[in-house]
Every structure is written in structure tokens, then in C-alpha cells.
Amino acid sequence: MKADQSTIERLPTGIPGFDHIANGGLPRGRTTLVAGTAGSAKTVFAAQFLAAGIEHGEAGVFVTFEEAPADLRRNMYSFGWDIADWEAQNRWVFVDASPQHDDELTVIGSYDLGALLARIEHAVKRTGATRVSMDSLGAMFTRLNDSRLVRNEMLRIAVRIKALGITAVITAERSQEYGEIARYGVEEFVADDVVILRNLLEEEKRRRTVEILKFRGTTHQKGSFPFTVIPNQGIVVIPLSAIELKQRSSSLRITSGNNEMDRMCGGGFFRDSIILVSGATGTGKTLMATSFMAAGAMRGERSLLFAFEESRDQLFRNATGWGVDFEQMERDGLLRVVCNYPEVTGLEDQLISMQSEISNFRPQRIAIDSLSALERASTIKSFREFVIGLTSFIKHQEMAGLYTSTTPTLLGGSSITEAHISTITDSIILLRYVELFGEMRRGLTVLKMRGSSHDKEIREFTIDGAGMHIGRPFRNISGILSGQFTHLTPSEIERLGAMFRDDEGEVLE
């Protein structure tokens, strides 16, 4: 008879996002191997597993084979874990097997872990611990001279852990991101469960991911998921599989800040929509974001601006030039501006930070200026994951979001950003330069408006001290969006018109 997978109890790790991809946590009473290369956060994972247990009233034992307890206490304090205080309360115990300065490394064929396991068992019984972390196997197994002994000792560890009824995390080193799971090639076959942490270098940018390779006899999410390590929290996994298309959709309209733009969009933006404004530099993207937020302030709505290309002083100066007082909006508690260079930190850290800002400020409107800057500092995959994660978060809060992106050419063409997130956004507004008879003009069109009819013409617009003014449609011109302009003569217009009329002279639909 097939075993019921629901009978395998899960123990929450307390690592944000990880318990989701683990379908509830690590299988209780088992040994989980956490393997990774240098810098993949194996030790942080092991410590966070114990810290989460302590915060829920479960004592833990940390067995260290490399770092001295004093070093671990100091290093882990930056995550908000006061290990020394927990030790004083007999909730955290170290079993120190780290090398001493006067130790000589000796490889002994008959070496075993009997004495060490006895120390671990004593610590578990003394504290009533339910969790044990061992960091790391590589340092311990350097004393063993062949893989057969490694396998035997791994089996002993697993058997003793099951007998004690505790849940254990054991870390192991990898020499490469892909290939053998652990250094000795046998660890993954002995452990009940295997988790792989990777510290990948893609396009000269570092990116951490976590993958559950196996949970023996039970289920888990498949694939790799990005994660980051942040101060005062530790590891945070970003599980895209947690994103669900269950957000509510509102028919309520909000103003863009421009009356003519509202008319072009069929009455304004939807309250919980994501709008992408794409155009070349200088076409008015930041102005649209500014007008969007100012319109919210006039209705008592809070707005949050994330700026990745201009400083706070530049943004405030530009807003003043368009007749918008950002300083007064801040004093009234209706605006918060967060400026960062995208290269300062990874996209995973950016996402966690932005979600925290949104949760704390609780705005009704969010503007990001611009996504292209963030894209520049990441790989295509991590950028798309970032946009999906942020967009889902904003839509579940039922907020309106306006993103800007910059096209690589002045006249026409599409940006890489458009290509990768156009299906995620609800509305797309294109801003373009148009060269006519030796003069540069600006054109605007609503390319997409999900769930609503909209104006499909390309309208000319101007910018002055009062903001954006949308005028008449361009006539007798084709190829504006692609940048390949053609000015049609009256006879060409007549011929084209004839092509779209029926035998009775009526215009074809």
C-alpha cells in the first residue's frame, strides 16, 4: 500500500520563502544535507534554522567543525541573533569540534564519530533540543581517508539522529556549482533530504539560488529559486511559485494627472493596474510619473517614488519646474522618495527593501523611475523575476504602479524592458521623438489598455512649465513607432483610402 505523504510531519525552518517551496518545512526527525560552494550561505542557513526554533520555544544544538564558537557568535549577531544570551538561557548549546591552533591534521583510517556523537546526544538531552545543526562535514571528513568510511559515518549520524527524534541540518562543501552534490560524492545518498545553495556568477554578476534536490518520500517545489542574505533577518527566499493570480480587479478609475491622457485611456487608469511608460531620454517619462503622483496628492492619496537614475535634489527641482511641490507633499505625509543606485546591491535585496518600504508607507500609488536602470545591473532572468515579484506584490496590495523604461534609440524602436515585461503590465504608453521637416517633435500613443477601450492614435504633445500638453494626432505620416517615417502625399493617401473601401465606397471595418 502506498504511504500517505501527509503523514510526514514538517518542521518550519523559519526562513522566509523557504518553507513555501518546501511545502511547509523540513521533514521532522530527519537529516537534511545543505550543500553549497563558498559564499552560498550554508552556515547562515544552519544558524537560522536553530534561531527560528528558539524563537518558537525549541532549543537547539550547533556542532561546529570549522569556525570557533566565539567567531560564530560575533558573525551571527548582525542578523539579530543574540547567541550568547540564548546560551545563558540554556536554549542554544555549542558542541565545539573546531580545530585548535596547536592541532595537527592526521588522517586515521579507523577514525570514527563515536565520542562526538556522545557529546551531541548529551547536549540534546540536557537542553531538550529538537533541532541540531552541524557545520560542516568537509572539515570533519578530512580525517577520513576514503569514501567508504565517509558513508559509514554519515549513516551513523543519520541513525543516531532518528533515534533521538531530532531534526538535523548538516552542511557540506561543493567544489563547483553544478556536478557532484558534495565533495565526497556519497553524502547525498545517505541523507534523507538534500538542499543545494548556489552562488552563481552570471554575466559578471553574483546571484544566489536555492534548490531542493530531494525530500525522501514526500513532495516539494521543483526548480531553483533566488534568495538573498540581509542584515537583521538572514536568508530570505523569493519563491516565484508563491505568486498566484488571485488578486482582485477593480473597475474604479484614477486620474493619470493629465485630462487628455485620461480620455485617451478610456477614463483614466484602473486603480490596481500596472502602467509601463516607455520612451527615449527626454521624452517626458519622469514628468508623467511626477504628474501621476501629484494627481494622487490632490486627492489625499499617498505616493511612493523609487528613483534609480536621479538624485532627490534633481527630482525635487524638476518637479518644481513643472509646477509640482514635492516638498509640500512630503510635509503633508503624501509622498515618500527613495533614491538608490541600482549597482549598490542585488535585485533580490532591492525587491525585499522595496516591499518593506511599500508595507511601511502603505501608498495608493507607486512610481519606479526607471526599470531600465535596474535592468542594467542584472541578468535578464533575475530582472524578469524581480519585475514579476514586485508587480505581484503591488497588485495584491491593490495599488496602482507606474514604471518607466528607456528605449536605446531616440527615434522608434522598442526597449529590452518592453520585450521582457510587456505581458506583465496592464497598460503601455509609448513616448517617441518624431522628426518632421528638420524639427524634432514628440509623439504619444496608448499601445495597450487591458480591460478597456482606448485611443489608438499617435498624438503630438509638448512640455512646458505647466507640464505635458497633448495635442492633435499626427496625420499623413507612417512608421513613427518604428522610427522609419514616411510622409504621404495626397495622392498616396487617396490610393490607400481606396484600398480600404468596399464596392459601394464605404470604409471597411
Protein backbone atom coordinates (compact mmCIF):
# COMPACT_ATOMS: atom_id res chain seq x y z
CA MET A 1 0.00 0.00 0.00
CA LYS A 2 1.37 3.43 -0.92
CA ALA A 3 2.32 5.59 2.05
CA ASP A 4 0.33 8.73 2.65
CA GLN A 5 2.69 11.66 2.15
CA SER A 6 0.64 13.76 4.52
CA THR A 7 1.84 11.57 7.43
CA ILE A 8 5.36 13.03 7.12
CA GLU A 9 5.27 15.93 9.55
CA ARG A 10 7.04 19.16 8.56
CA LEU A 11 9.17 21.34 10.81
CA PRO A 12 9.12 25.03 9.75
CA THR A 13 12.62 26.38 9.23
CA GLY A 14 11.59 29.98 9.85
CA ILE A 15 13.46 31.02 6.69
CA PRO A 16 11.10 33.36 4.78
CA GLY A 17 10.07 31.82 1.47
CA PHE A 18 11.86 28.52 2.02
CA ASP A 19 9.01 26.85 3.87
CA HIS A 20 6.77 27.61 0.89
CA ILE A 21 8.98 25.79 -1.61
CA ALA A 22 9.46 23.03 0.98
CA ASN A 23 5.66 22.65 1.30
CA GLY A 24 5.75 23.50 4.98
CA GLY A 25 9.34 22.97 6.08
CA LEU A 26 11.88 20.19 6.57
CA PRO A 27 10.59 16.67 7.26
CA ARG A 28 10.66 16.29 11.05
CA GLY A 29 13.04 13.79 12.62
CA ARG A 30 15.26 13.53 9.56
CA THR A 31 18.67 14.62 8.35
CA THR A 32 18.85 17.31 5.66
CA LEU A 33 22.09 17.87 3.78
CA VAL A 34 22.64 21.52 2.79
CA ALA A 35 25.40 21.62 0.15
CA GLY A 36 26.97 24.64 -1.48
CA THR A 37 30.12 26.34 -2.66
CA ALA A 38 31.98 29.04 -0.76
CA GLY A 39 29.81 32.09 -0.10
CA SER A 40 26.49 30.32 -0.68
CA ALA A 41 25.30 30.97 2.93
CA LYS A 42 25.44 27.40 4.27
CA THR A 43 26.44 28.46 7.78
CA VAL A 44 23.75 31.16 7.84
CA PHE A 45 21.15 28.55 6.82
CA ALA A 46 22.26 26.24 9.63
CA ALA A 47 22.23 29.00 12.24
CA GLN A 48 18.92 30.46 11.08
CA PHE A 49 17.31 27.03 11.34
CA LEU A 50 18.22 26.95 15.06
CA ALA A 51 17.40 30.63 15.66
CA ALA A 52 13.88 30.17 14.27
CA GLY A 53 13.34 27.21 16.56
CA ILE A 54 14.50 29.13 19.61
CA GLU A 55 12.10 31.96 18.79
CA HIS A 56 9.31 29.34 18.89
CA GLY A 57 10.44 27.77 22.16
CA GLU A 58 12.61 24.96 20.74
CA ALA A 59 16.18 24.61 21.98
CA GLY A 60 18.99 23.84 19.52
CA VAL A 61 22.49 22.39 19.35
CA PHE A 62 25.11 23.77 16.94
CA VAL A 63 28.04 21.46 16.16
CA THR A 64 30.91 23.40 14.62
CA PHE A 65 33.85 21.78 12.84
CA GLU A 66 35.39 24.92 11.33
CA GLU A 67 34.61 28.25 13.00
CA ALA A 68 35.15 28.72 16.69
CA PRO A 69 32.00 29.46 18.74
CA ALA A 70 33.29 32.96 19.51
CA ASP A 71 33.53 33.75 15.79
CA LEU A 72 30.04 32.38 15.13
CA ARG A 73 28.53 34.43 17.95
CA ARG A 74 30.08 37.59 16.52
CA ASN A 75 29.23 36.84 12.88
CA MET A 76 25.61 35.88 13.53
CA TYR A 77 24.90 38.86 15.78
CA SER A 78 24.50 41.05 12.65
CA PHE A 79 21.37 39.03 11.82
CA GLY A 80 19.79 39.92 15.15
CA TRP A 81 20.58 36.58 16.81
CA ASP A 82 22.00 37.04 20.32
CA ILE A 83 23.51 33.58 20.65
CA ALA A 84 25.35 34.44 23.87
CA ASP A 85 22.05 35.34 25.54
CA TRP A 86 20.45 32.11 24.29
CA GLU A 87 23.39 30.14 25.68
CA ALA A 88 22.91 31.77 29.07
CA GLN A 89 19.29 30.61 28.98
CA ASN A 90 20.37 27.07 28.03
CA ARG A 91 18.44 27.31 24.75
CA TRP A 92 21.47 27.21 22.42
CA VAL A 93 24.44 24.91 23.02
CA PHE A 94 27.68 24.67 21.07
CA VAL A 95 29.46 21.37 20.60
CA ASP A 96 32.89 22.64 19.63
CA ALA A 97 34.82 20.33 17.32
CA SER A 98 36.62 23.15 15.52
CA PRO A 99 40.40 22.81 15.03
CA GLN A 100 42.64 24.39 17.65
CA HIS A 101 45.74 26.35 16.77
CA ASP A 102 48.08 23.64 18.04
CA ASP A 103 46.19 20.74 16.41
CA GLU A 104 47.95 18.68 13.77
CA LEU A 105 45.84 17.25 10.96
CA THR A 106 46.17 13.48 10.99
CA VAL A 107 44.37 11.12 8.63
CA ILE A 108 43.48 7.95 10.51
CA GLY A 109 41.84 5.06 8.75
CA SER A 110 39.92 3.86 11.81
CA TYR A 111 38.68 7.29 12.90
CA ASP A 112 35.01 7.35 13.87
CA LEU A 113 32.49 9.73 15.39
CA GLY A 114 31.55 7.76 18.47
CA ALA A 115 32.85 10.28 21.01
CA LEU A 116 31.46 13.25 19.10
CA LEU A 117 28.01 11.67 18.80
CA ALA A 118 28.02 11.05 22.52
CA ARG A 119 28.72 14.75 23.14
CA ILE A 120 25.88 15.73 20.79
CA GLU A 121 23.47 13.31 22.48
CA HIS A 122 24.40 14.69 25.90
CA ALA A 123 23.76 18.27 24.74
CA VAL A 124 20.41 17.30 23.21
CA LYS A 125 19.20 15.58 26.36
CA ARG A 126 20.46 18.35 28.64
CA THR A 127 18.60 21.09 26.78
CA GLY A 128 15.66 19.12 25.40
CA ALA A 129 16.72 20.28 21.93
CA THR A 130 14.62 19.35 18.89
CA ARG A 131 16.99 20.84 16.29
CA VAL A 132 20.67 20.20 15.55
CA SER A 133 22.91 21.91 13.00
CA MET A 134 26.32 20.52 12.01
CA ASP A 135 28.70 22.79 10.10
CA SER A 136 30.40 21.32 8.12
CA LEU A 137 31.05 17.74 7.03
CA GLY A 138 34.06 18.63 4.90
CA ALA A 139 36.11 19.73 7.90
CA MET A 140 35.15 16.60 9.80
CA PHE A 141 35.78 14.14 6.97
CA THR A 142 39.27 15.41 6.24
CA ARG A 143 40.29 12.91 8.93
CA LEU A 144 38.86 10.01 6.95
CA ASN A 145 40.89 8.53 4.13
CA ASP A 146 38.26 7.02 1.83
CA SER A 147 34.63 7.45 0.77
CA ARG A 148 33.59 4.14 2.35
CA LEU A 149 34.39 5.50 5.81
CA VAL A 150 32.58 8.75 4.98
CA ARG A 151 29.48 6.79 4.03
CA ASN A 152 29.63 4.67 7.19
CA GLU A 153 29.96 7.72 9.44
CA MET A 154 27.15 9.52 7.62
CA LEU A 155 24.93 6.50 8.25
CA ARG A 156 25.83 6.57 11.92
CA ILE A 157 24.87 10.23 12.16
CA ALA A 158 21.53 9.66 10.42
CA VAL A 159 20.67 6.63 12.57
CA ARG A 160 21.53 8.39 15.82
CA ILE A 161 19.52 11.48 14.86
CA LYS A 162 16.44 9.37 14.14
CA ALA A 163 16.86 7.56 17.45
CA LEU A 164 16.95 10.90 19.28
CA GLY A 165 13.87 12.14 17.41
CA ILE A 166 15.55 15.40 16.39
CA THR A 167 15.67 17.21 13.06
CA ALA A 168 19.16 17.93 11.77
CA VAL A 169 20.74 20.19 9.18
CA ILE A 170 24.21 19.18 8.05
CA THR A 171 26.22 21.41 5.72
CA ALA A 172 28.72 20.19 3.14
CA GLU A 173 31.04 21.92 0.66
CA ARG A 174 30.88 21.67 -3.10
CA SER A 175 33.79 22.37 -5.42
CA GLN A 176 31.56 23.64 -8.25
CA GLU A 177 28.02 24.95 -8.73
CA TYR A 178 26.95 22.05 -10.94
CA GLY A 179 28.13 18.45 -10.87
CA GLU A 180 28.72 16.35 -7.77
CA ILE A 181 26.43 17.33 -4.93
CA ALA A 182 29.12 17.26 -2.26
CA ARG A 183 32.87 16.83 -2.08
CA TYR A 184 32.98 13.10 -1.30
CA GLY A 185 30.20 12.08 -3.68
CA VAL A 186 28.34 9.92 -1.16
CA GLU A 187 26.78 12.37 1.31
CA GLU A 188 23.62 12.93 -0.76
CA PHE A 189 22.88 9.21 -0.92
CA VAL A 190 22.92 8.80 2.85
CA ALA A 191 20.97 11.93 3.83
CA ASP A 192 17.18 11.75 3.75
CA ASP A 193 16.85 15.21 2.18
CA VAL A 194 19.17 17.37 0.09
CA VAL A 195 19.10 21.15 -0.39
CA ILE A 196 21.55 22.89 -2.73
CA LEU A 197 22.63 26.51 -2.29
CA ARG A 198 24.35 28.16 -5.26
CA ASN A 199 26.36 31.36 -5.54
CA LEU A 200 26.30 31.79 -9.30
CA LEU A 201 28.34 34.20 -11.40
CA GLU A 202 26.25 35.22 -14.40
CA GLU A 203 27.37 37.99 -16.75
CA GLU A 204 29.85 39.20 -14.08
CA LYS A 205 27.04 39.47 -11.51
CA ARG A 206 26.56 37.26 -8.43
CA ARG A 207 23.22 35.60 -7.85
CA ARG A 208 22.26 33.16 -5.08
CA THR A 209 19.70 30.40 -5.61
CA VAL A 210 18.31 27.51 -3.58
CA GLU A 211 17.07 24.17 -4.91
CA ILE A 212 15.52 21.26 -3.04
CA LEU A 213 17.02 18.25 -4.78
CA LYS A 214 15.14 15.62 -2.84
CA PHE A 215 12.80 15.08 0.09
CA ARG A 216 12.62 11.33 0.57
CA GLY A 217 9.03 10.09 0.50
CA THR A 218 7.35 13.47 0.28
CA THR A 219 6.83 16.45 -2.02
CA HIS A 220 8.47 19.81 -2.57
CA GLN A 221 8.60 22.60 -5.14
CA LYS A 222 10.83 21.87 -8.13
CA GLY A 223 13.46 24.18 -9.60
CA SER A 224 15.83 26.88 -8.37
CA PHE A 225 14.62 29.96 -6.52
CA PRO A 226 16.55 33.20 -5.89
CA PHE A 227 17.42 34.21 -2.37
CA THR A 228 19.39 36.87 -0.59
CA VAL A 229 21.03 37.38 2.79
CA ILE A 230 20.17 40.63 4.53
CA PRO A 231 21.11 42.15 7.92
CA ASN A 232 18.80 41.67 10.89
CA GLN A 233 16.95 38.89 9.10
CA GLY A 234 19.23 36.33 7.44
CA ILE A 235 18.25 34.30 4.40
CA VAL A 236 15.14 35.37 2.50
CA VAL A 237 13.97 33.15 -0.36
CA ILE A 238 11.92 34.68 -3.16
CA PRO A 239 9.58 31.89 -4.32
CA LEU A 240 8.01 32.82 -7.65
CA SER A 241 5.82 29.73 -7.27
CA ALA A 242 4.07 31.53 -4.40
CA ILE A 243 2.76 34.12 -6.82
CA GLU A 244 -0.88 33.41 -7.53
CA LEU A 245 -3.23 35.10 -9.99
CA LYS A 246 -5.84 35.68 -7.30
CA GLN A 247 -5.67 39.43 -6.91
CA ARG A 248 -8.96 41.26 -7.23
CA SER A 249 -9.58 43.57 -10.18
CA SER A 250 -11.27 46.91 -9.71
CA SER A 251 -13.23 48.86 -12.32
CA LEU A 252 -12.57 52.07 -10.40
CA ARG A 253 -10.60 54.63 -12.43
CA ILE A 254 -7.96 57.02 -11.15
CA THR A 255 -6.53 60.00 -12.96
CA SER A 256 -3.13 59.98 -14.63
CA GLY A 257 -2.70 63.65 -13.80
CA ASN A 258 -3.47 64.72 -17.36
CA ASN A 259 -7.06 65.12 -18.54
CA GLU A 260 -6.33 64.36 -22.18
CA MET A 261 -4.34 61.26 -21.20
CA ASP A 262 -7.31 60.10 -19.15
CA ARG A 263 -9.55 60.45 -22.19
CA MET A 264 -7.08 58.52 -24.35
CA CYS A 265 -7.13 55.70 -21.77
CA GLY A 266 -10.91 55.46 -21.72
CA GLY A 267 -11.38 57.40 -18.50
CA GLY A 268 -8.07 57.04 -16.66
CA PHE A 269 -6.01 54.19 -15.25
CA PHE A 270 -7.60 51.36 -13.28
CA ARG A 271 -6.92 51.68 -9.56
CA ASP A 272 -4.97 48.40 -9.32
CA SER A 273 -3.21 48.45 -12.70
CA ILE A 274 0.46 48.47 -13.66
CA ILE A 275 1.36 51.05 -16.31
CA LEU A 276 4.59 50.98 -18.34
CA VAL A 277 5.72 54.30 -19.83
CA SER A 278 8.43 53.71 -22.42
CA GLY A 279 10.40 56.28 -24.37
CA ALA A 280 13.78 57.74 -25.24
CA THR A 281 15.62 60.03 -22.86
CA GLY A 282 13.94 63.42 -22.56
CA THR A 283 10.55 62.39 -23.88
CA GLY A 284 8.74 63.05 -20.60
CA LYS A 285 8.74 59.76 -18.68
CA THR A 286 9.72 61.33 -15.35
CA LEU A 287 7.19 64.10 -15.98
CA MET A 288 4.44 61.51 -16.37
CA ALA A 289 5.48 59.88 -13.10
CA THR A 290 5.54 63.27 -11.39
CA SER A 291 2.06 64.18 -12.67
CA PHE A 292 0.80 60.74 -11.64
CA MET A 293 1.91 61.28 -8.04
CA ALA A 294 0.81 64.92 -7.89
CA ALA A 295 -2.68 63.90 -9.03
CA GLY A 296 -2.82 61.44 -6.15
CA ALA A 297 -1.74 64.08 -3.63
CA MET A 298 -4.54 66.38 -4.78
CA ARG A 299 -6.97 63.62 -3.76
CA GLY A 300 -5.26 62.90 -0.44
CA GLU A 301 -3.57 59.72 -1.69
CA ARG A 302 -0.06 58.73 -0.63
CA SER A 303 2.56 58.12 -3.32
CA LEU A 304 5.91 56.31 -3.13
CA LEU A 305 8.63 57.04 -5.69
CA PHE A 306 11.62 54.74 -6.23
CA ALA A 307 14.24 56.62 -8.26
CA PHE A 308 17.29 54.85 -9.68
CA GLU A 309 18.68 57.46 -12.06
CA GLU A 310 18.28 60.89 -10.47
CA SER A 311 19.07 62.24 -7.04
CA ARG A 312 16.49 63.55 -4.63
CA ASP A 313 17.50 67.18 -5.29
CA GLN A 314 17.23 66.72 -9.06
CA LEU A 315 13.77 65.19 -8.76
CA PHE A 316 12.51 67.96 -6.50
CA ARG A 317 13.99 70.66 -8.76
CA ASN A 318 12.43 69.13 -11.87
CA ALA A 319 9.05 68.80 -10.17
CA THR A 320 9.18 72.47 -9.19
CA GLY A 321 9.86 73.34 -12.83
CA TRP A 322 6.60 71.63 -13.77
CA GLY A 323 4.61 73.33 -11.02
CA VAL A 324 4.64 70.41 -8.55
CA ASP A 325 5.79 70.95 -4.94
CA PHE A 326 7.31 67.66 -3.77
CA GLU A 327 8.49 69.25 -0.50
CA GLN A 328 4.95 70.22 0.46
CA MET A 329 3.70 66.75 -0.48
CA GLU A 330 6.33 65.27 1.86
CA ARG A 331 5.39 67.60 4.70
CA ASP A 332 1.77 66.58 4.27
CA GLY A 333 2.75 62.90 4.51
CA LEU A 334 1.57 62.25 0.95
CA LEU A 335 4.94 61.48 -0.65
CA ARG A 336 8.00 59.38 0.09
CA VAL A 337 11.02 59.37 -2.23
CA VAL A 338 13.64 56.58 -2.12
CA CYS A 339 16.75 57.12 -4.27
CA ASN A 340 19.35 54.40 -4.85
CA TYR A 341 21.93 53.47 -7.41
CA PRO A 342 20.93 50.06 -8.81
CA GLU A 343 24.53 48.81 -8.70
CA VAL A 344 24.69 49.22 -4.91
CA THR A 345 23.01 45.88 -4.24
CA GLY A 346 21.49 42.87 -6.00
CA LEU A 347 17.95 42.78 -7.34
CA GLU A 348 16.86 40.31 -4.67
CA ASP A 349 17.92 42.79 -1.98
CA GLN A 350 16.24 45.60 -3.90
CA LEU A 351 12.99 43.64 -4.03
CA ILE A 352 12.98 42.89 -0.30
CA SER A 353 13.80 46.53 0.50
CA MET A 354 11.10 47.89 -1.83
CA GLN A 355 8.48 45.53 -0.43
CA SER A 356 9.39 46.69 3.07
CA GLU A 357 9.06 50.38 2.05
CA ILE A 358 5.67 49.70 0.48
CA SER A 359 4.42 47.80 3.53
CA ASN A 360 5.56 50.53 5.91
CA PHE A 361 4.33 53.58 3.94
CA ARG A 362 1.16 51.97 2.54
CA PRO A 363 0.83 54.21 -0.56
CA GLN A 364 -2.05 54.20 -3.02
CA ARG A 365 0.32 54.98 -5.91
CA ILE A 366 3.84 53.73 -6.68
CA ALA A 367 6.22 55.02 -9.34
CA ILE A 368 9.54 53.43 -10.40
CA ASP A 369 11.89 55.59 -12.45
CA SER A 370 13.33 53.68 -14.14
CA LEU A 371 13.28 49.94 -14.67
CA SER A 372 15.97 50.26 -17.32
CA ALA A 373 18.47 51.26 -14.65
CA LEU A 374 17.69 48.13 -12.66
CA GLU A 375 17.90 46.00 -15.79
CA ARG A 376 21.38 47.37 -16.44
CA ALA A 377 22.61 45.98 -13.12
CA SER A 378 21.24 42.44 -13.52
CA THR A 379 20.87 39.46 -15.77
CA ILE A 380 17.78 39.04 -17.95
CA LYS A 381 16.49 36.16 -15.82
CA SER A 382 16.94 37.88 -12.48
CA PHE A 383 15.42 41.11 -13.87
CA ARG A 384 12.28 39.35 -15.05
CA GLU A 385 11.97 37.51 -11.71
CA PHE A 386 12.33 40.85 -9.93
CA VAL A 387 9.60 42.53 -12.02
CA ILE A 388 7.24 39.56 -11.60
CA GLY A 389 7.78 39.54 -7.84
CA LEU A 390 7.34 43.30 -7.45
CA THR A 391 4.33 43.52 -9.77
CA SER A 392 2.55 40.69 -7.99
CA PHE A 393 3.22 42.30 -4.61
CA ILE A 394 1.86 45.68 -5.75
CA LYS A 395 -1.24 44.20 -7.37
CA HIS A 396 -2.07 42.13 -4.29
CA GLN A 397 -1.99 45.38 -2.28
CA GLU A 398 -4.49 46.81 -4.83
CA MET A 399 -2.22 49.75 -5.58
CA ALA A 400 -1.51 51.47 -8.89
CA GLY A 401 2.05 51.23 -10.19
CA LEU A 402 3.71 53.28 -12.91
CA TYR A 403 7.02 52.00 -14.31
CA THR A 404 9.24 53.91 -16.73
CA SER A 405 11.75 52.41 -19.17
CA THR A 406 14.19 53.96 -21.60
CA THR A 407 14.49 52.94 -25.24
CA PRO A 408 18.03 52.61 -26.63
CA THR A 409 17.39 54.85 -29.65
CA LEU A 410 15.93 58.32 -29.96
CA LEU A 411 13.59 57.55 -32.85
CA GLY A 412 11.35 54.48 -32.58
CA GLY A 413 12.36 51.00 -31.60
CA SER A 414 11.47 49.05 -28.50
CA SER A 415 13.39 48.70 -25.26
CA ILE A 416 14.60 45.41 -23.88
CA THR A 417 12.43 46.16 -20.86
CA GLU A 418 9.30 46.28 -23.01
CA ALA A 419 10.12 42.91 -24.54
CA HIS A 420 10.51 41.21 -21.17
CA ILE A 421 7.66 42.68 -19.13
CA SER A 422 5.06 43.83 -21.65
CA THR A 423 2.84 40.85 -20.89
CA ILE A 424 3.00 41.57 -17.16
CA THR A 425 1.82 45.16 -17.36
CA ASP A 426 -1.81 46.22 -17.80
CA SER A 427 -1.16 49.35 -19.84
CA ILE A 428 1.67 50.53 -22.09
CA ILE A 429 2.19 54.15 -23.11
CA LEU A 430 4.83 54.89 -25.74
CA LEU A 431 6.59 58.25 -25.98
CA ARG A 432 8.54 58.92 -29.16
CA TYR A 433 10.50 61.64 -30.90
CA VAL A 434 9.25 62.49 -34.38
CA GLU A 435 11.45 64.32 -36.90
CA LEU A 436 9.39 66.46 -39.28
CA PHE A 437 10.90 68.82 -41.83
CA GLY A 438 14.07 69.31 -39.81
CA GLU A 439 12.25 69.78 -36.49
CA MET A 440 12.06 67.37 -33.54
CA ARG A 441 8.61 66.83 -32.10
CA ARG A 442 7.21 64.43 -29.57
CA GLY A 443 4.53 61.80 -30.09
CA LEU A 444 2.47 59.70 -27.66
CA THR A 445 0.24 56.65 -28.07
CA VAL A 446 -1.57 54.23 -25.79
CA LEU A 447 -0.35 50.90 -27.10
CA LYS A 448 -2.23 48.72 -24.61
CA MET A 449 -5.02 49.19 -22.10
CA ARG A 450 -6.08 45.87 -20.65
CA GLY A 451 -9.82 45.64 -19.97
CA SER A 452 -10.72 48.92 -21.63
CA SER A 453 -11.08 50.61 -24.97
CA HIS A 454 -8.55 53.35 -25.66
CA ASP A 455 -7.45 55.91 -28.22
CA LYS A 456 -5.23 54.27 -30.84
CA GLU A 457 -3.96 57.44 -32.50
CA ILE A 458 -0.45 58.82 -32.19
CA ARG A 459 -0.85 62.25 -30.65
CA GLU A 460 1.65 65.09 -30.65
CA PHE A 461 2.49 66.59 -27.27
CA THR A 462 4.57 69.42 -25.87
CA ILE A 463 6.19 70.06 -22.50
CA ASP A 464 6.45 73.41 -20.72
CA GLY A 465 6.44 74.82 -17.20
CA ALA A 466 2.86 73.64 -16.69
CA GLY A 467 3.61 70.04 -17.63
CA MET A 468 2.53 67.95 -20.62
CA HIS A 469 0.04 69.15 -23.22
CA ILE A 470 -1.37 66.52 -25.58
CA GLY A 471 -2.48 67.85 -28.94
CA ARG A 472 -3.77 66.55 -32.25
CA PRO A 473 -2.94 63.25 -33.89
CA PHE A 474 -0.14 63.09 -36.45
CA ARG A 475 -1.61 62.90 -39.95
CA ASN A 476 -0.17 61.79 -43.26
CA ILE A 477 2.76 60.06 -41.53
CA SER A 478 3.50 56.37 -41.08
CA GLY A 479 6.31 54.50 -39.31
CA ILE A 480 6.52 56.75 -36.24
CA LEU A 481 6.79 53.90 -33.73
CA SER A 482 9.49 52.09 -35.70
CA GLY A 483 11.42 55.27 -36.43
CA GLN A 484 11.08 54.80 -40.21
CA PHE A 485 8.97 57.86 -41.01
CA THR A 486 7.18 58.29 -44.31
CA HIS A 487 5.28 61.44 -45.22
CA LEU A 488 2.38 60.56 -47.52
CA THR A 489 1.32 62.79 -50.38
CA PRO A 490 -2.39 63.49 -51.01
CA SER A 491 -2.43 61.07 -53.96
CA GLU A 492 -0.87 58.31 -51.80
CA ILE A 493 -3.46 58.93 -49.11
CA GLU A 494 -6.21 58.64 -51.71
CA ARG A 495 -4.82 55.35 -53.04
CA LEU A 496 -4.54 53.93 -49.53
CA GLY A 497 -8.08 55.04 -48.79
CA ALA A 498 -9.34 53.24 -51.88
CA MET A 499 -7.72 50.02 -50.71
CA PHE A 500 -9.89 50.08 -47.58
CA ARG A 501 -13.23 50.85 -49.19
CA ASP A 502 -15.80 48.40 -50.48
CA ASP A 503 -17.52 48.50 -53.88
CA GLU A 504 -20.06 50.99 -52.58
CA GLY A 505 -17.39 53.36 -51.33
CA GLU A 506 -17.92 52.64 -47.63
CA VAL A 507 -14.88 52.40 -45.37
CA LEU A 508 -14.12 48.80 -44.42
CA GLU A 509 -14.10 47.94 -40.71
